[in-house]
Protein backbone atom coordinates (compact mmCIF):
# COMPACT_ATOMS: atom_id res chain seq x y z
CA MET A 1 92.01 37.99 -106.13
CA LEU A 2 95.52 37.39 -107.32
CA LYS A 3 96.21 33.92 -108.66
CA ALA A 4 99.39 31.88 -109.15
CA ILE A 5 101.98 34.62 -109.77
CA GLN A 6 105.52 33.48 -110.48
CA ILE A 7 108.87 35.19 -111.03
CA LEU A 8 110.79 34.05 -114.07
CA GLY A 9 114.25 32.96 -113.08
CA CYS A 10 113.43 32.73 -109.34
CA SER A 11 113.82 29.38 -107.35
CA SER A 12 73.21 51.64 -94.80
CA GLY A 13 72.44 50.35 -91.31
CA PHE A 14 74.68 49.70 -88.37
CA ILE A 15 74.74 46.86 -85.87
CA SER A 16 76.99 46.42 -82.87
CA GLN A 17 78.95 43.24 -82.31
CA ARG A 18 81.23 41.74 -79.69
CA LEU A 19 83.79 39.38 -81.17
CA LYS A 20 84.81 36.27 -79.29
CA LYS A 21 88.24 36.02 -77.72
CA PRO A 22 90.59 34.40 -80.23
CA HIS A 23 93.63 32.19 -79.88
CA SER A 24 94.40 31.65 -76.21
CA GLY A 25 97.66 32.86 -74.75
CA ASN A 26 98.59 35.54 -77.28
CA GLY A 27 96.81 38.43 -75.56
CA PHE A 28 95.04 39.68 -78.70
CA SER A 29 91.36 40.47 -78.38
CA LEU A 30 88.85 42.06 -80.72
CA ILE A 31 86.19 44.03 -78.89
CA SER A 32 83.24 46.39 -79.25
CA SER A 33 82.79 46.72 -82.98
CA LYS A 34 80.40 48.34 -85.43
CA THR A 35 79.63 46.68 -88.71
CA SER A 36 78.55 48.87 -91.61
CA TYR A 37 76.43 47.49 -94.41
CA ASN A 38 76.13 49.47 -97.63
CA SER A 39 76.07 48.80 -101.36
CA THR A 40 79.13 46.56 -100.89
CA PRO A 41 77.92 43.99 -98.35
CA LYS A 42 81.38 42.47 -97.92
CA SER A 43 82.87 45.74 -96.63
CA LEU A 44 83.11 45.82 -92.86
CA SER A 45 84.22 48.84 -90.88
CA PHE A 46 85.01 48.56 -87.20
CA ARG A 47 87.63 49.30 -84.56
CA VAL A 48 89.78 46.65 -82.96
CA ILE A 49 91.65 47.42 -79.76
CA ARG A 50 94.77 45.58 -78.64
CA MET A 51 94.31 44.53 -75.01
CA PHE A 52 96.86 43.40 -72.40
CA SER A 53 96.46 40.93 -69.60
CA THR A 54 98.99 42.85 -67.47
CA PRO A 55 97.01 45.35 -65.31
CA SER A 56 99.67 48.08 -65.49
CA GLN A 57 99.45 48.04 -69.28
CA SER A 58 95.75 47.49 -69.79
CA ASN A 59 94.92 51.10 -70.67
CA SER A 60 98.27 52.68 -71.49
CA ASP A 61 98.36 51.41 -75.07
CA VAL A 62 95.29 53.31 -76.25
CA PRO A 63 96.61 56.66 -77.50
CA SER A 64 94.49 59.80 -77.35
CA SER A 65 93.49 61.55 -80.56
CA SER A 66 96.08 64.25 -79.84
CA SER A 67 98.81 61.59 -79.52
CA SER A 68 97.85 60.16 -82.91
CA SER A 69 98.11 63.56 -84.59
CA VAL A 70 101.49 64.14 -82.97
CA ALA A 71 102.66 60.77 -84.26
CA VAL A 72 101.69 61.69 -87.81
CA HIS A 73 103.36 65.11 -87.54
CA LEU A 74 106.64 63.66 -86.25
CA ALA A 75 106.74 60.67 -88.60
CA GLY A 76 109.83 60.65 -90.78
CA ASN A 77 112.11 62.67 -88.47
CA VAL A 78 112.91 65.21 -91.19
CA ARG A 79 115.48 67.00 -89.01
CA LYS A 80 117.89 64.10 -89.58
CA ILE A 81 118.27 65.29 -93.17
CA LYS A 82 121.25 67.65 -93.02
CA PHE A 83 122.28 67.86 -96.67
CA CYS A 84 120.63 67.90 -100.09
CA GLN A 85 120.71 64.56 -101.90
CA GLY A 86 120.88 66.43 -105.20
CA CYS A 87 123.68 68.98 -104.86
CA GLY A 88 125.02 68.31 -101.37
CA GLY A 89 124.12 71.74 -100.04
CA PRO A 90 123.16 72.26 -96.38
CA ALA A 91 119.48 71.85 -95.54
CA LYS A 92 117.24 74.13 -93.53
CA HIS A 93 114.08 72.91 -91.82
CA GLU A 94 110.88 74.90 -92.23
CA ILE A 95 107.37 74.72 -93.66
CA PRO A 96 107.38 75.52 -97.40
CA ASP A 97 104.75 77.85 -98.83
CA GLY A 98 101.48 76.05 -99.42
CA GLU A 99 102.36 73.07 -97.18
CA GLU A 100 101.62 72.11 -93.60
CA LYS A 101 104.63 70.06 -92.47
CA ILE A 102 108.25 70.87 -91.76
CA ARG A 103 110.49 69.80 -94.63
CA ALA A 104 114.22 69.69 -95.28
CA ILE A 105 114.93 72.36 -97.93
CA CYS A 106 118.30 72.82 -99.66
CA THR A 107 119.69 76.30 -99.02
CA LEU A 108 121.55 76.23 -102.35
CA CYS A 109 119.24 74.72 -104.99
CA GLY A 110 115.94 74.95 -103.09
CA LYS A 111 115.08 71.26 -103.56
CA ILE A 112 112.66 69.88 -100.97
CA ALA A 113 113.38 66.42 -99.54
CA TYR A 114 110.18 64.43 -99.17
CA GLN A 115 110.14 61.31 -97.01
CA ASN A 116 107.75 58.63 -98.18
CA PRO A 117 106.63 55.40 -96.50
CA LYS A 118 108.32 52.09 -97.28
CA MET A 119 106.38 49.06 -98.50
CA VAL A 120 107.20 45.72 -96.88
CA VAL A 121 106.00 42.62 -98.72
CA GLY A 122 105.95 39.02 -97.61
CA CYS A 123 104.22 35.65 -97.63
CA LEU A 124 102.10 33.75 -95.14
CA ILE A 125 102.84 30.21 -96.32
CA GLU A 126 100.47 27.36 -95.56
CA HIS A 127 101.76 23.80 -95.78
CA ASP A 128 100.14 20.72 -94.24
CA ARG A 129 98.04 22.99 -92.00
CA LYS A 130 101.23 24.64 -90.72
CA ILE A 131 102.79 28.10 -91.15
CA LEU A 132 106.39 28.74 -92.22
CA LEU A 133 108.32 31.16 -89.98
CA CYS A 134 111.92 32.35 -90.11
CA LYS A 135 114.15 33.20 -87.14
CA ARG A 136 115.96 36.46 -87.84
CA ASN A 137 119.74 36.33 -88.13
CA ILE A 138 120.10 40.14 -88.32
CA GLU A 139 118.97 43.19 -86.42
CA PRO A 140 116.44 44.48 -85.71
CA SER A 141 114.84 41.71 -83.67
CA LEU A 142 117.77 39.31 -83.95
CA GLY A 143 116.74 35.81 -82.84
CA LEU A 144 112.99 36.40 -83.09
CA TRP A 145 110.49 34.80 -85.45
CA THR A 146 108.84 36.42 -88.45
CA LEU A 147 107.16 35.68 -91.75
CA PRO A 148 109.53 35.89 -94.72
CA ALA A 149 109.20 39.54 -95.77
CA GLY A 150 111.22 42.59 -96.73
CA TYR A 151 111.26 45.88 -98.61
CA LEU A 152 109.75 46.01 -102.08
CA GLU A 153 112.29 46.97 -104.75
CA ILE A 154 111.96 49.20 -107.82
CA GLY A 155 110.86 47.26 -110.90
CA GLU A 156 108.83 44.52 -109.20
CA SER A 157 105.21 44.11 -108.23
CA ALA A 158 104.21 43.54 -104.62
CA ALA A 159 103.62 39.83 -105.28
CA GLU A 160 106.95 39.46 -107.08
CA GLY A 161 108.74 41.13 -104.18
CA ALA A 162 107.04 38.83 -101.68
CA ILE A 163 108.09 35.77 -103.67
CA ARG A 164 111.68 37.06 -103.93
CA GLU A 165 111.89 37.81 -100.21
CA THR A 166 110.60 34.33 -99.41
CA TRP A 167 113.29 32.79 -101.59
CA GLU A 168 116.01 34.96 -100.03
CA GLU A 169 114.99 34.39 -96.41
CA ALA A 170 113.59 30.86 -96.46
CA GLY A 171 115.01 29.25 -99.60
CA ALA A 172 111.45 28.40 -100.57
CA GLU A 173 109.78 28.56 -103.97
CA VAL A 174 106.18 29.64 -103.48
CA GLU A 175 103.03 30.29 -105.45
CA VAL A 176 100.95 33.29 -104.38
CA ILE A 177 97.29 32.38 -103.84
CA SER A 178 95.76 35.73 -102.88
CA PRO A 179 96.40 38.93 -100.92
CA PHE A 180 95.82 38.35 -97.21
CA ALA A 181 96.51 41.60 -95.34
CA GLN A 182 97.53 45.21 -95.80
CA LEU A 183 98.65 46.83 -92.54
CA ASP A 184 99.69 50.49 -92.41
CA ILE A 185 102.02 51.68 -89.62
CA PRO A 186 102.06 55.51 -89.93
CA LEU A 187 104.37 56.17 -86.98
CA ILE A 188 107.31 54.38 -88.60
CA GLY A 189 106.31 55.03 -92.21
CA GLN A 190 105.69 51.44 -93.32
CA THR A 191 102.95 49.54 -95.12
CA TYR A 192 102.94 45.75 -94.93
CA VAL A 193 101.38 43.74 -97.76
CA ILE A 194 101.20 40.03 -96.92
CA PHE A 195 100.14 37.39 -99.42
CA LEU A 196 98.74 33.96 -98.72
CA ALA A 197 100.99 31.44 -100.49
CA LYS A 198 101.83 27.76 -100.77
CA LEU A 199 105.08 25.88 -101.32
CA LYS A 200 105.77 24.69 -104.86
CA LYS A 201 108.09 22.07 -103.39
CA PRO A 202 108.21 20.85 -99.76
CA GLN A 203 111.72 22.26 -99.40
CA PHE A 204 113.07 25.29 -97.53
CA SER A 205 116.24 26.35 -95.76
CA PRO A 206 117.44 29.52 -94.01
CA GLY A 207 119.02 32.23 -96.16
CA PRO A 208 121.72 34.68 -94.96
CA GLU A 209 119.18 36.78 -93.01
CA SER A 210 117.69 33.77 -91.21
CA SER A 211 119.24 31.38 -88.71
CA GLU A 212 116.39 28.88 -88.84
CA CYS A 213 113.18 28.15 -90.73
CA CYS A 214 110.40 26.03 -89.32
CA LEU A 215 106.80 25.00 -89.97
CA PHE A 216 104.57 25.65 -86.94
CA GLU A 217 101.19 24.22 -86.05
CA VAL A 218 98.76 27.06 -85.37
CA ASP A 219 98.69 26.26 -81.66
CA ASP A 220 102.50 26.24 -81.49
CA ILE A 221 103.20 29.64 -83.09
CA PRO A 222 105.73 31.39 -80.77
CA PHE A 223 103.72 34.54 -80.03
CA ASP A 224 106.09 35.48 -77.19
CA SER A 225 109.03 35.47 -79.61
CA LEU A 226 107.71 37.29 -82.66
CA ALA A 227 109.79 40.04 -84.22
CA PHE A 228 107.25 42.70 -85.23
CA SER A 229 103.76 43.94 -84.35
CA SER A 230 102.73 43.56 -88.00
CA ILE A 231 103.53 39.84 -87.87
CA PHE A 232 101.76 39.52 -84.51
CA VAL A 233 98.59 41.03 -86.02
CA THR A 234 98.82 39.06 -89.27
CA LEU A 235 99.08 35.71 -87.51
CA ASN A 236 96.22 36.51 -85.14
CA LEU A 237 94.00 37.50 -88.07
CA TYR A 238 94.93 34.26 -89.82
CA ILE A 239 94.05 32.20 -86.74
CA GLU A 240 90.66 33.91 -86.52
CA ASP A 241 90.03 33.10 -90.18
CA VAL A 242 91.00 29.46 -89.70
CA LYS A 243 88.61 29.18 -86.77
CA SER A 244 85.80 30.80 -88.76
CA GLY A 245 86.40 28.45 -91.67
CA LYS A 246 87.04 31.20 -94.23
CA VAL A 247 90.27 33.05 -95.03
CA LYS A 248 89.54 36.71 -95.85
CA PHE A 249 91.43 39.81 -96.96
CA HIS A 250 92.17 42.26 -94.13
CA TYR A 251 93.07 45.94 -94.14
CA GLY A 252 93.91 47.94 -91.02
CA THR A 253 96.14 50.57 -89.45
CA ILE A 254 98.52 49.72 -86.59
CA ASN A 255 98.88 52.74 -84.31
CA LYS A 256 102.02 52.14 -82.30
CA ARG A 257 102.22 53.80 -78.88
CA LEU A 258 104.63 56.73 -78.62
CA GLY A 259 107.68 56.26 -76.43
CA THR A 260 107.96 52.49 -76.85
CA GLY A 261 110.95 50.69 -78.32
CA PRO A 262 110.89 48.44 -81.39
CA SER A 263 111.02 45.35 -79.17
CA ASP A 264 107.67 46.21 -77.54
CA ILE A 265 105.63 44.69 -80.36
CA ARG A 266 102.37 44.59 -78.37
CA ALA A 267 102.23 48.33 -77.63
CA PHE A 268 99.67 49.36 -80.22
CA THR A 269 96.03 49.76 -81.11
CA LEU A 270 94.59 48.45 -84.37
CA ASP A 271 92.11 50.44 -86.43
CA TYR A 272 90.52 47.64 -88.41
CA HIS A 273 88.87 49.09 -91.48
CA LEU A 274 88.04 46.26 -93.83
CA GLN A 275 87.77 42.55 -94.31
CA VAL A 276 86.49 40.88 -97.43
């Protein structure tokens, strides 16, 4: 586990389980799981399905296997790349020899443009049994609540990026305690890495990208006004840990449903691979 990281200069058997319904009112339920025990007894492998209380949506958010493969194939939207980033030549779109996916290929220099996922890093900050959230002052999800987080930059570790983002968005100096969650979102090409952290000083204030920062009791977290599905999942996992009396590390894949907008943060299934 990662301990107290600071930035210089910055203020073989299987058993079936059924998990209990977690925090009331947020519509997140963990059901029908399999737990795998092997040489690493802390490794748990099971599937978690996002469920809705609205009848018309109760089954529509579980994509078929064919939908998932389509999502992976279309991820990145390579056809938006019209010109080579190297020489500026026009791009053609086809499958290069020895590959399986359509790529943007420069018709002049032959350079292939590869699109790679972005890493988003942030902090889940505990203080006096409360969680620090920021209200977004920019799009997307203007006016909705999120954990302080943003894109990792070249030259910094994931923990350093999370600390920087927290300072920029919440004006808070934090100490990282441990990794809390890694959540992959293949459809939009993002991986979230969230660290458990604590305030060095009981001071915070909104940065340019936030209109407000506030500490929330667990029961008062505004689940109906959260900005992103990744934050929705992270906070639910945290609540489950608090109820169980042990905070764990979580790894899973958020499979967003095709055809839904970015504001529909509850339209997903969660493949929950690991907790330690």
